[in-house]
Amino acid sequence: MDLYMLIPIFGILLVMIPVAGLTLTLTLRFAIKPFVEALARALRESGRLGGGSNPQIEALSEQVESLMAEVQRLGEAQRFDKELLTERTVPIEQP
């Protein structure tokens, strides 16, 4: 096979591979999405997926909520400290 015969073949493949990949990706996405949603719904209804309460997840949720509250309190304290420092640096005019 001559090298000059491969150039047009590679040129065609350069265009066809992305087109075929995009077509396959979109087709599979729209074909599989209803199946996956039905499977997730069935698992959720059977209690295997997100139906029951897991104590570890509940404990982690409580920890996240307490950390969020602590971060909020720290942010408020930091803003307060910053306001106090800016007031301190402003010179007080005496009459």
Protein backbone atom coordinates (compact mmCIF):
# COMPACT_ATOMS: atom_id res chain seq x y z
CA MET A 1 0.00 0.00 0.00
CA ASP A 2 1.41 3.32 -1.02
CA LEU A 3 1.78 6.17 1.48
CA TYR A 4 -0.18 8.53 -0.77
CA MET A 5 -3.23 6.26 -0.51
CA LEU A 6 -3.26 6.58 3.27
CA ILE A 7 -3.51 10.39 3.28
CA PRO A 8 -7.14 10.56 2.03
CA ILE A 9 -8.14 7.68 4.30
CA PHE A 10 -6.71 9.45 7.34
CA GLY A 11 -8.34 12.70 6.22
CA ILE A 12 -11.74 11.03 6.07
CA LEU A 13 -11.19 9.32 9.42
CA LEU A 14 -10.21 12.65 10.95
CA VAL A 15 -13.74 13.88 10.28
CA MET A 16 -15.69 10.66 10.69
CA ILE A 17 -14.37 9.59 14.10
CA PRO A 18 -15.59 12.71 15.99
CA VAL A 19 -18.91 12.64 14.12
CA ALA A 20 -19.42 8.96 14.94
CA GLY A 21 -18.40 9.52 18.57
CA LEU A 22 -20.79 12.45 18.99
CA THR A 23 -23.62 10.52 17.36
CA LEU A 24 -23.00 7.49 19.55
CA THR A 25 -22.74 9.60 22.71
CA LEU A 26 -25.98 11.49 22.07
CA THR A 27 -27.82 8.34 21.06
CA LEU A 28 -26.72 6.42 24.14
CA ARG A 29 -27.47 9.36 26.42
CA PHE A 30 -31.04 9.70 25.21
CA ALA A 31 -31.58 5.94 24.95
CA ILE A 32 -30.18 5.05 28.37
CA LYS A 33 -31.52 7.99 30.40
CA PRO A 34 -35.13 6.68 30.68
CA PHE A 35 -33.83 3.23 31.61
CA VAL A 36 -31.57 4.61 34.35
CA GLU A 37 -34.33 6.83 35.72
CA ALA A 38 -36.74 3.87 35.84
CA LEU A 39 -34.11 1.74 37.56
CA ALA A 40 -33.38 4.46 40.13
CA ARG A 41 -37.10 4.93 40.78
CA ALA A 42 -37.55 1.18 41.29
CA LEU A 43 -34.58 1.00 43.66
CA ARG A 44 -35.81 4.03 45.59
CA GLU A 45 -39.28 2.53 45.97
CA SER A 46 -37.89 -0.82 47.09
CA GLY A 47 -35.90 0.91 49.84
CA ARG A 48 -32.48 -0.05 48.57
CA LEU A 49 -31.53 3.42 47.39
CA GLY A 50 -32.09 6.36 49.68
CA GLY A 51 -35.23 4.93 51.24
CA GLY A 52 -33.93 4.05 54.68
CA SER A 53 -32.22 6.34 57.10
CA ASN A 54 -28.58 5.59 57.64
CA PRO A 55 -27.26 6.59 61.10
CA GLN A 56 -23.84 7.48 59.68
CA ILE A 57 -25.37 9.81 57.12
CA GLU A 58 -27.52 11.46 59.78
CA ALA A 59 -24.49 11.93 62.05
CA LEU A 60 -22.49 13.42 59.19
CA SER A 61 -25.37 15.75 58.33
CA GLU A 62 -25.50 16.98 61.93
CA GLN A 63 -21.74 17.53 61.93
CA VAL A 64 -21.93 19.50 58.68
CA GLU A 65 -24.73 21.66 60.08
CA SER A 66 -22.76 22.37 63.27
CA LEU A 67 -19.65 23.19 61.22
CA MET A 68 -21.67 25.56 59.04
CA ALA A 69 -22.99 27.32 62.14
CA GLU A 70 -19.47 27.57 63.57
CA VAL A 71 -18.13 29.03 60.33
CA GLN A 72 -20.93 31.58 60.34
CA ARG A 73 -20.13 32.58 63.93
CA LEU A 74 -16.44 32.87 63.09
CA GLY A 75 -17.26 35.04 60.09
CA GLU A 76 -19.38 37.33 62.24
CA ALA A 77 -16.62 37.57 64.85
CA GLN A 78 -14.07 38.34 62.15
CA ARG A 79 -16.27 41.12 60.73
CA PHE A 80 -16.73 42.54 64.24
CA ASP A 81 -12.98 42.49 64.88
CA LYS A 82 -12.35 44.15 61.55
CA GLU A 83 -14.83 46.92 62.37
CA LEU A 84 -13.15 47.46 65.75
CA LEU A 85 -9.74 47.71 64.11
CA THR A 86 -10.93 50.20 61.50
CA GLU A 87 -12.49 52.33 64.23
CA ARG A 88 -9.24 52.24 66.17
CA THR A 89 -7.18 53.46 63.22
CA VAL A 90 -9.48 56.39 62.50
CA PRO A 91 -8.10 59.41 64.40
CA ILE A 92 -10.47 61.01 66.88
CA GLU A 93 -10.80 64.74 66.46
CA GLN A 94 -10.80 66.67 69.71
CA PRO A 95 -12.78 69.93 69.93
